[in-house]
Amino acid sequence: MSAAIDKDTVHKPQETGQMNRLLFTATLLSFTLGLSAQTLPYAKKHYNLTRGVAIAGYDPVSYFDQKPQKGSPAISYNHSGVIYYFVSEANKAAFAKNPALYEPQYGGYCAYAIADGDKVKVDPLTYKIIDRKLYLFYNFRGTNTLELWNKNEKSLLSNAQKRWSEIIRK
């Protein structure tokens, strides 16, 4: 007795090969996109780090609660070679889920100075959240650049964006 074979369920060798190649390509593409989503947006040399640690050890998530706090080395997260400290496992988990949401702008350098094309250290307690983004500022020796920034924020923000694009291409 012979079984009836439905011609629609029979796969021709060339169709199977094409399907396997398509599946392989899709898998490779999704893997590649996944890796690139976890890499730094620019070279590590453009991050303001102290012994490999960002924001002088302050928890980036804590800024969004309006209470910047020093994190703990015991609760740290290494994001593509840049280390962040956190005050809690919950903050660490929030950051790990979406680092771009919490990382300081301009690699953690002073936003005011970046508008002039300069990378300048910051006081981690001198900051501003603008459109859910963290901006840090220099505040030493009687000069608080956040105060200067606030006088002309729109223009300085535009300049900083342009200058930062130039800086990270170097």
N, C-alpha and C. Protein backbone atom coordinates (compact mmCIF):
# COMPACT_ATOMS: atom_id res chain seq x y z
N MET A 1 0.82 -1.16 0.00
CA MET A 1 0.00 0.00 0.00
C MET A 1 0.88 1.23 0.00
N SER A 2 0.58 2.14 -0.86
CA SER A 2 1.40 3.34 -0.91
C SER A 2 0.64 4.50 -0.28
N ALA A 3 1.40 5.34 0.40
CA ALA A 3 0.79 6.51 1.06
C ALA A 3 0.71 7.64 0.08
N ALA A 4 -0.35 8.37 0.17
CA ALA A 4 -0.51 9.54 -0.70
C ALA A 4 0.30 10.68 -0.10
N ILE A 5 1.04 11.36 -0.95
CA ILE A 5 1.87 12.48 -0.49
C ILE A 5 1.30 13.77 -1.07
N ASP A 6 1.00 14.67 -0.20
CA ASP A 6 0.49 15.97 -0.62
C ASP A 6 1.66 16.77 -1.18
N LYS A 7 1.54 17.22 -2.41
CA LYS A 7 2.64 17.93 -3.06
C LYS A 7 3.02 19.22 -2.34
N ASP A 8 2.10 19.80 -1.55
CA ASP A 8 2.41 21.03 -0.83
C ASP A 8 3.32 20.80 0.39
N THR A 9 3.39 19.54 0.88
CA THR A 9 4.23 19.28 2.06
C THR A 9 5.61 18.79 1.68
N VAL A 10 5.85 18.57 0.43
CA VAL A 10 7.16 18.11 -0.02
C VAL A 10 8.04 19.33 -0.25
N HIS A 11 9.20 19.33 0.40
CA HIS A 11 10.14 20.44 0.24
C HIS A 11 11.20 20.05 -0.75
N LYS A 12 11.41 20.89 -1.67
CA LYS A 12 12.46 20.66 -2.65
C LYS A 12 13.78 21.04 -2.01
N PRO A 13 14.87 20.35 -2.35
CA PRO A 13 16.17 20.62 -1.74
C PRO A 13 16.60 22.09 -1.84
N GLN A 14 16.38 22.74 -2.97
CA GLN A 14 16.84 24.12 -3.10
C GLN A 14 16.03 25.05 -2.20
N GLU A 15 14.73 24.76 -1.98
CA GLU A 15 13.93 25.60 -1.09
C GLU A 15 14.41 25.44 0.35
N THR A 16 14.74 24.22 0.74
CA THR A 16 15.23 23.97 2.10
C THR A 16 16.56 24.68 2.31
N GLY A 17 17.44 24.63 1.35
CA GLY A 17 18.73 25.31 1.44
C GLY A 17 18.56 26.81 1.55
N GLN A 18 17.65 27.37 0.77
CA GLN A 18 17.39 28.81 0.83
C GLN A 18 16.82 29.19 2.20
N MET A 19 15.92 28.34 2.69
CA MET A 19 15.31 28.60 3.98
C MET A 19 16.36 28.56 5.09
N ASN A 20 17.27 27.58 5.03
CA ASN A 20 18.33 27.48 6.03
C ASN A 20 19.24 28.70 6.00
N ARG A 21 19.58 29.16 4.80
CA ARG A 21 20.43 30.35 4.67
C ARG A 21 19.71 31.57 5.23
N LEU A 22 18.42 31.69 4.94
CA LEU A 22 17.63 32.81 5.43
C LEU A 22 17.56 32.79 6.96
N LEU A 23 17.33 31.62 7.51
CA LEU A 23 17.27 31.47 8.96
C LEU A 23 18.61 31.80 9.60
N PHE A 24 19.70 31.33 9.00
CA PHE A 24 21.05 31.61 9.50
C PHE A 24 21.32 33.12 9.46
N THR A 25 20.97 33.75 8.36
CA THR A 25 21.19 35.19 8.21
C THR A 25 20.38 35.97 9.24
N ALA A 26 19.13 35.58 9.45
CA ALA A 26 18.28 36.27 10.43
C ALA A 26 18.85 36.11 11.84
N THR A 27 19.32 34.90 12.17
CA THR A 27 19.90 34.65 13.48
C THR A 27 21.17 35.46 13.68
N LEU A 28 22.02 35.47 12.67
CA LEU A 28 23.27 36.23 12.74
C LEU A 28 22.98 37.72 12.90
N LEU A 29 22.02 38.23 12.15
CA LEU A 29 21.67 39.64 12.22
C LEU A 29 21.14 40.00 13.61
N SER A 30 20.26 39.18 14.16
CA SER A 30 19.72 39.49 15.49
C SER A 30 20.82 39.42 16.55
N PHE A 31 21.74 38.48 16.41
CA PHE A 31 22.86 38.39 17.35
C PHE A 31 23.74 39.63 17.26
N THR A 32 24.05 40.05 16.04
CA THR A 32 24.88 41.24 15.82
C THR A 32 24.21 42.48 16.37
N LEU A 33 22.92 42.63 16.13
CA LEU A 33 22.21 43.79 16.65
C LEU A 33 22.18 43.77 18.17
N GLY A 34 22.04 42.62 18.75
CA GLY A 34 22.06 42.48 20.20
C GLY A 34 23.39 42.90 20.78
N LEU A 35 24.47 42.52 20.13
CA LEU A 35 25.80 42.92 20.61
C LEU A 35 26.00 44.41 20.49
N SER A 36 25.59 44.98 19.37
CA SER A 36 25.82 46.41 19.17
C SER A 36 24.98 47.24 20.13
N ALA A 37 23.84 46.71 20.57
CA ALA A 37 23.02 47.44 21.53
C ALA A 37 23.70 47.52 22.89
N GLN A 38 24.69 46.64 23.14
CA GLN A 38 25.35 46.63 24.43
C GLN A 38 26.71 47.31 24.39
N THR A 39 27.09 47.87 23.29
CA THR A 39 28.39 48.54 23.21
C THR A 39 28.23 50.02 23.49
N LEU A 40 29.34 50.65 23.80
CA LEU A 40 29.33 52.08 24.10
C LEU A 40 28.95 52.88 22.86
N PRO A 41 28.27 54.01 23.06
CA PRO A 41 27.90 54.84 21.92
C PRO A 41 29.09 55.55 21.29
N TYR A 42 30.21 55.63 22.02
CA TYR A 42 31.44 56.22 21.51
C TYR A 42 32.61 55.61 22.27
N ALA A 43 33.81 55.88 21.83
CA ALA A 43 35.01 55.26 22.40
C ALA A 43 35.16 55.56 23.89
N LYS A 44 35.69 54.60 24.62
CA LYS A 44 35.87 54.72 26.06
C LYS A 44 36.72 55.95 26.42
N LYS A 45 37.62 56.35 25.54
CA LYS A 45 38.47 57.51 25.82
C LYS A 45 37.66 58.80 25.99
N HIS A 46 36.41 58.78 25.57
CA HIS A 46 35.56 59.97 25.68
C HIS A 46 34.70 59.98 26.94
N TYR A 47 34.97 59.05 27.85
CA TYR A 47 34.25 59.02 29.13
C TYR A 47 35.09 59.65 30.22
N ASN A 48 34.47 60.43 31.07
CA ASN A 48 35.10 61.06 32.21
C ASN A 48 35.14 60.02 33.35
N LEU A 49 36.27 59.35 33.49
CA LEU A 49 36.39 58.26 34.45
C LEU A 49 37.45 58.56 35.51
N THR A 50 37.20 58.06 36.71
CA THR A 50 38.17 58.10 37.79
C THR A 50 38.49 56.65 38.12
N ARG A 51 39.70 56.22 37.77
CA ARG A 51 40.11 54.82 37.95
C ARG A 51 39.09 53.86 37.33
N GLY A 52 38.61 54.19 36.15
CA GLY A 52 37.67 53.34 35.42
C GLY A 52 36.22 53.47 35.83
N VAL A 53 35.96 54.32 36.83
CA VAL A 53 34.59 54.46 37.35
C VAL A 53 33.98 55.78 36.87
N ALA A 54 32.74 55.70 36.40
CA ALA A 54 32.02 56.88 35.91
C ALA A 54 31.41 57.69 37.06
N ILE A 55 31.21 58.94 36.82
CA ILE A 55 30.54 59.90 37.72
C ILE A 55 31.14 59.88 39.13
N ALA A 56 32.45 59.68 39.21
CA ALA A 56 33.15 59.66 40.51
C ALA A 56 32.48 58.71 41.50
N GLY A 57 31.86 57.66 41.00
CA GLY A 57 31.24 56.66 41.85
C GLY A 57 29.80 56.93 42.23
N TYR A 58 29.22 58.00 41.71
CA TYR A 58 27.82 58.29 42.01
C TYR A 58 26.90 57.37 41.19
N ASP A 59 25.78 57.03 41.78
CA ASP A 59 24.78 56.16 41.16
C ASP A 59 24.00 56.98 40.12
N PRO A 60 24.11 56.64 38.82
CA PRO A 60 23.43 57.43 37.80
C PRO A 60 21.90 57.41 37.93
N VAL A 61 21.35 56.33 38.44
CA VAL A 61 19.89 56.22 38.58
C VAL A 61 19.40 57.16 39.69
N SER A 62 20.20 57.37 40.71
CA SER A 62 19.79 58.20 41.84
C SER A 62 19.54 59.66 41.44
N TYR A 63 20.16 60.13 40.38
CA TYR A 63 19.93 61.50 39.92
C TYR A 63 18.47 61.71 39.52
N PHE A 64 17.87 60.67 38.99
CA PHE A 64 16.50 60.80 38.49
C PHE A 64 15.47 60.77 39.61
N ASP A 65 15.93 60.49 40.83
CA ASP A 65 15.10 60.63 42.03
C ASP A 65 15.38 61.96 42.72
N GLN A 66 16.17 62.80 42.07
CA GLN A 66 16.60 64.10 42.60
C GLN A 66 17.41 63.97 43.89
N LYS A 67 18.08 62.82 44.07
CA LYS A 67 18.92 62.59 45.24
C LYS A 67 20.20 61.88 44.83
N PRO A 68 21.14 62.57 44.18
CA PRO A 68 22.37 61.90 43.79
C PRO A 68 23.09 61.34 45.01
N GLN A 69 23.46 60.07 44.92
CA GLN A 69 24.13 59.40 46.03
C GLN A 69 25.34 58.64 45.53
N LYS A 70 26.35 58.58 46.36
CA LYS A 70 27.53 57.76 46.07
C LYS A 70 27.10 56.31 46.06
N GLY A 71 27.50 55.60 45.03
CA GLY A 71 27.22 54.18 44.97
C GLY A 71 28.27 53.37 45.70
N SER A 72 28.11 52.07 45.66
CA SER A 72 29.04 51.17 46.35
C SER A 72 29.77 50.29 45.34
N PRO A 73 31.07 50.11 45.53
CA PRO A 73 31.80 49.19 44.65
C PRO A 73 31.24 47.77 44.72
N ALA A 74 30.57 47.45 45.82
CA ALA A 74 29.98 46.12 45.97
C ALA A 74 28.74 45.93 45.07
N ILE A 75 28.16 47.05 44.63
CA ILE A 75 27.00 47.00 43.73
C ILE A 75 27.39 47.76 42.47
N SER A 76 28.14 47.12 41.62
CA SER A 76 28.65 47.80 40.43
C SER A 76 28.18 47.08 39.17
N TYR A 77 28.29 47.80 38.06
CA TYR A 77 27.91 47.25 36.76
C TYR A 77 28.93 47.74 35.74
N ASN A 78 29.47 46.81 34.98
CA ASN A 78 30.45 47.13 33.95
C ASN A 78 29.74 47.18 32.61
N HIS A 79 29.58 48.38 32.10
CA HIS A 79 28.93 48.57 30.80
C HIS A 79 30.01 48.83 29.76
N SER A 80 30.41 47.77 29.07
CA SER A 80 31.41 47.85 28.00
C SER A 80 32.70 48.53 28.46
N GLY A 81 33.16 48.19 29.66
CA GLY A 81 34.42 48.72 30.15
C GLY A 81 34.29 49.95 31.02
N VAL A 82 33.11 50.54 31.09
CA VAL A 82 32.86 51.69 31.96
C VAL A 82 32.10 51.16 33.18
N ILE A 83 32.66 51.42 34.36
CA ILE A 83 32.08 50.89 35.59
C ILE A 83 31.21 51.95 36.26
N TYR A 84 30.03 51.53 36.68
CA TYR A 84 29.10 52.39 37.42
C TYR A 84 28.83 51.75 38.77
N TYR A 85 28.72 52.58 39.80
CA TYR A 85 28.38 52.13 41.15
C TYR A 85 26.93 52.51 41.43
N PHE A 86 26.29 51.69 42.28
CA PHE A 86 24.87 51.90 42.61
C PHE A 86 24.63 51.80 44.10
N VAL A 87 23.55 52.43 44.56
CA VAL A 87 23.18 52.38 45.98
C VAL A 87 22.32 51.16 46.28
N SER A 88 21.75 50.54 45.25
CA SER A 88 20.89 49.39 45.47
C SER A 88 20.91 48.46 44.26
N GLU A 89 20.52 47.24 44.50
CA GLU A 89 20.39 46.26 43.40
C GLU A 89 19.29 46.69 42.44
N ALA A 90 18.25 47.35 42.96
CA ALA A 90 17.16 47.82 42.10
C ALA A 90 17.66 48.87 41.11
N ASN A 91 18.49 49.79 41.57
CA ASN A 91 19.05 50.81 40.67
C ASN A 91 19.98 50.17 39.65
N LYS A 92 20.76 49.22 40.09
CA LYS A 92 21.66 48.50 39.18
C LYS A 92 20.85 47.79 38.09
N ALA A 93 19.76 47.14 38.47
CA ALA A 93 18.92 46.43 37.51
C ALA A 93 18.27 47.40 36.53
N ALA A 94 17.82 48.54 37.02
CA ALA A 94 17.21 49.55 36.13
C ALA A 94 18.24 50.03 35.11
N PHE A 95 19.45 50.29 35.56
CA PHE A 95 20.52 50.74 34.66
C PHE A 95 20.86 49.66 33.64
N ALA A 96 21.03 48.43 34.11
CA ALA A 96 21.40 47.32 33.23
C ALA A 96 20.36 47.11 32.14
N LYS A 97 19.12 47.37 32.45
CA LYS A 97 18.03 47.20 31.49
C LYS A 97 18.12 48.23 30.35
N ASN A 98 18.57 49.45 30.69
CA ASN A 98 18.62 50.51 29.67
C ASN A 98 19.68 51.56 30.05
N PRO A 99 20.97 51.24 29.86
CA PRO A 99 22.03 52.19 30.24
C PRO A 99 21.89 53.57 29.60
N ALA A 100 21.46 53.62 28.35
CA ALA A 100 21.37 54.91 27.65
C ALA A 100 20.41 55.87 28.33
N LEU A 101 19.46 55.34 29.06
CA LEU A 101 18.50 56.18 29.76
C LEU A 101 19.13 56.92 30.93
N TYR A 102 20.15 56.32 31.54
CA TYR A 102 20.72 56.86 32.78
C TYR A 102 22.13 57.43 32.63
N GLU A 103 22.86 57.04 31.62
CA GLU A 103 24.24 57.54 31.48
C GLU A 103 24.24 59.05 31.32
N PRO A 104 25.23 59.72 31.92
CA PRO A 104 25.30 61.17 31.74
C PRO A 104 25.66 61.51 30.29
N GLN A 105 25.17 62.65 29.87
CA GLN A 105 25.46 63.12 28.52
C GLN A 105 26.93 63.53 28.42
N TYR A 106 27.45 63.51 27.22
CA TYR A 106 28.82 63.95 26.91
C TYR A 106 29.86 63.19 27.71
N GLY A 107 29.60 61.90 27.93
CA GLY A 107 30.56 61.05 28.62
C GLY A 107 30.80 61.42 30.07
N GLY A 108 29.93 62.27 30.61
CA GLY A 108 30.08 62.69 32.00
C GLY A 108 30.94 63.94 32.17
N TYR A 109 31.30 64.57 31.06
CA TYR A 109 32.06 65.82 31.13
C TYR A 109 31.09 67.00 31.29
N CYS A 110 31.63 68.14 31.66
CA CYS A 110 30.83 69.34 31.88
C CYS A 110 30.13 69.78 30.59
N ALA A 111 28.81 69.86 30.65
CA ALA A 111 28.02 70.24 29.47
C ALA A 111 28.36 71.65 28.99
N TYR A 112 28.57 72.56 29.93
CA TYR A 112 28.90 73.94 29.57
C TYR A 112 30.22 73.99 28.80
N ALA A 113 31.22 73.27 29.27
CA ALA A 113 32.52 73.26 28.60
C ALA A 113 32.45 72.56 27.25
N ILE A 114 31.66 71.51 27.16
CA ILE A 114 31.51 70.80 25.88
C ILE A 114 30.97 71.76 24.81
N ALA A 115 30.10 72.70 25.21
CA ALA A 115 29.57 73.68 24.25
C ALA A 115 30.69 74.51 23.62
N ASP A 116 31.83 74.60 24.32
CA ASP A 116 33.02 75.29 23.78
C ASP A 116 34.01 74.31 23.16
N GLY A 117 33.67 73.03 23.19
CA GLY A 117 34.56 72.02 22.61
C GLY A 117 35.60 71.49 23.57
N ASP A 118 35.44 71.74 24.88
CA ASP A 118 36.42 71.31 25.88
C ASP A 118 35.85 70.21 26.77
N LYS A 119 36.70 69.26 27.12
CA LYS A 119 36.35 68.23 28.10
C LYS A 119 36.86 68.71 29.46
N VAL A 120 35.95 68.96 30.39
CA VAL A 120 36.31 69.50 31.69
C VAL A 120 35.65 68.65 32.78
N LYS A 121 36.38 68.46 33.89
CA LYS A 121 35.86 67.66 35.01
C LYS A 121 34.59 68.29 35.56
N VAL A 122 33.88 67.51 36.37
CA VAL A 122 32.61 67.96 36.92
C VAL A 122 32.57 67.78 38.44
N ASP A 123 31.65 68.50 39.04
CA ASP A 123 31.25 68.24 40.42
C ASP A 123 29.99 67.37 40.29
N PRO A 124 30.04 66.11 40.72
CA PRO A 124 28.89 65.21 40.52
C PRO A 124 27.59 65.70 41.17
N LEU A 125 27.69 66.66 42.09
CA LEU A 125 26.48 67.18 42.73
C LEU A 125 25.92 68.42 42.03
N THR A 126 26.58 68.84 40.96
CA THR A 126 26.10 69.97 40.16
C THR A 126 25.61 69.39 38.84
N TYR A 127 24.30 69.30 38.70
CA TYR A 127 23.71 68.59 37.58
C TYR A 127 22.35 69.18 37.22
N LYS A 128 21.86 68.75 36.10
CA LYS A 128 20.51 69.13 35.67
C LYS A 128 19.95 68.00 34.80
N ILE A 129 18.68 67.71 34.99
CA ILE A 129 17.98 66.75 34.14
C ILE A 129 17.18 67.57 33.13
N ILE A 130 17.46 67.33 31.84
CA ILE A 130 16.76 68.02 30.76
C ILE A 130 16.20 66.94 29.83
N ASP A 131 14.91 66.92 29.67
CA ASP A 131 14.27 65.92 28.80
C ASP A 131 14.72 64.50 29.13
N ARG A 132 14.70 64.16 30.42
CA ARG A 132 15.08 62.84 30.92
C ARG A 132 16.52 62.46 30.59
N LYS A 133 17.38 63.46 30.48
CA LYS A 133 18.81 63.21 30.25
C LYS A 133 19.59 63.93 31.34
N LEU A 134 20.67 63.28 31.78
CA LEU A 134 21.50 63.81 32.87
C LEU A 134 22.67 64.61 32.31
N TYR A 135 22.78 65.86 32.75
CA TYR A 135 23.88 66.74 32.37
C TYR A 135 24.63 67.12 33.65
N LEU A 136 25.95 67.04 33.59
CA LEU A 136 26.81 67.36 34.73
C LEU A 136 27.59 68.65 34.45
N PHE A 137 28.01 69.33 35.54
CA PHE A 137 28.66 70.63 35.39
C PHE A 137 29.85 70.80 36.32
N TYR A 138 30.78 71.63 35.91
CA TYR A 138 31.93 72.05 36.71
C TYR A 138 31.43 73.02 37.78
N ASN A 139 31.92 72.85 39.02
CA ASN A 139 31.57 73.77 40.09
C ASN A 139 32.71 73.78 41.11
N PHE A 140 33.76 74.50 40.77
CA PHE A 140 34.95 74.58 41.61
C PHE A 140 35.50 76.01 41.53
N ARG A 141 36.29 76.38 42.54
CA ARG A 141 37.01 77.67 42.56
C ARG A 141 36.09 78.86 42.26
N GLY A 142 34.89 78.82 42.79
CA GLY A 142 33.97 79.94 42.63
C GLY A 142 33.27 80.02 41.28
N THR A 143 33.44 79.02 40.44
CA THR A 143 32.78 79.03 39.13
C THR A 143 31.80 77.86 39.06
N ASN A 144 30.52 78.21 39.01
CA ASN A 144 29.47 77.20 38.87
C ASN A 144 28.93 77.31 37.44
N THR A 145 29.34 76.39 36.58
CA THR A 145 28.94 76.50 35.17
C THR A 145 27.46 76.20 34.95
N LEU A 146 26.80 75.55 35.92
CA LEU A 146 25.35 75.34 35.80
C LEU A 146 24.62 76.69 35.82
N GLU A 147 25.08 77.60 36.66
CA GLU A 147 24.47 78.93 36.69
C GLU A 147 24.65 79.64 35.35
N LEU A 148 25.83 79.52 34.76
CA LEU A 148 26.09 80.11 33.45
C LEU A 148 25.24 79.43 32.37
N TRP A 149 25.14 78.12 32.46
CA TRP A 149 24.33 77.33 31.53
C TRP A 149 22.87 77.79 31.55
N ASN A 150 22.34 77.97 32.74
CA ASN A 150 20.92 78.33 32.89
C ASN A 150 20.59 79.68 32.25
N LYS A 151 21.56 80.54 32.10
CA LYS A 151 21.34 81.86 31.50
C LYS A 151 21.13 81.78 29.99
N ASN A 152 21.64 80.71 29.37
CA ASN A 152 21.57 80.59 27.91
C ASN A 152 21.48 79.12 27.50
N GLU A 153 20.63 78.38 28.18
CA GLU A 153 20.57 76.93 28.00
C GLU A 153 20.29 76.48 26.56
N LYS A 154 19.33 77.08 25.93
CA LYS A 154 18.93 76.63 24.59
C LYS A 154 20.10 76.69 23.61
N SER A 155 20.77 77.81 23.58
CA SER A 155 21.90 77.98 22.67
C SER A 155 23.07 77.07 23.06
N LEU A 156 23.36 77.00 24.36
CA LEU A 156 24.48 76.17 24.82
C LEU A 156 24.21 74.69 24.57
N LEU A 157 22.99 74.25 24.76
CA LEU A 157 22.64 72.85 24.51
C LEU A 157 22.84 72.50 23.04
N SER A 158 22.41 73.38 22.17
CA SER A 158 22.60 73.17 20.73
C SER A 158 24.09 73.12 20.37
N ASN A 159 24.86 74.05 20.92
CA ASN A 159 26.30 74.07 20.66
C ASN A 159 26.97 72.82 21.21
N ALA A 160 26.58 72.41 22.41
CA ALA A 160 27.18 71.23 23.02
C ALA A 160 26.92 69.98 22.16
N GLN A 161 25.72 69.85 21.65
CA GLN A 161 25.40 68.70 20.79
C GLN A 161 26.30 68.67 19.56
N LYS A 162 26.46 69.82 18.94
CA LYS A 162 27.31 69.91 17.74
C LYS A 162 28.77 69.61 18.08
N ARG A 163 29.25 70.23 19.14
CA ARG A 163 30.66 70.04 19.52
C ARG A 163 30.94 68.60 19.94
N TRP A 164 30.01 67.99 20.68
CA TRP A 164 30.22 66.62 21.12
C TRP A 164 30.31 65.67 19.92
N SER A 165 29.51 65.91 18.93
CA SER A 165 29.58 65.09 17.70
C SER A 165 30.96 65.19 17.07
N GLU A 166 31.54 66.39 17.09
CA GLU A 166 32.89 66.59 16.56
C GLU A 166 33.94 65.89 17.44
N ILE A 167 33.80 66.02 18.74
CA ILE A 167 34.76 65.45 19.69
C ILE A 167 34.82 63.93 19.55
N ILE A 168 33.68 63.27 19.48
CA ILE A 168 33.69 61.80 19.47
C ILE A 168 34.14 61.22 18.14
N ARG A 169 34.22 62.05 17.12
CA ARG A 169 34.74 61.57 15.82
C ARG A 169 36.27 61.54 15.81
N LYS A 170 36.90 62.16 16.80
CA LYS A 170 38.36 62.24 16.84
C LYS A 170 38.95 60.96 17.38
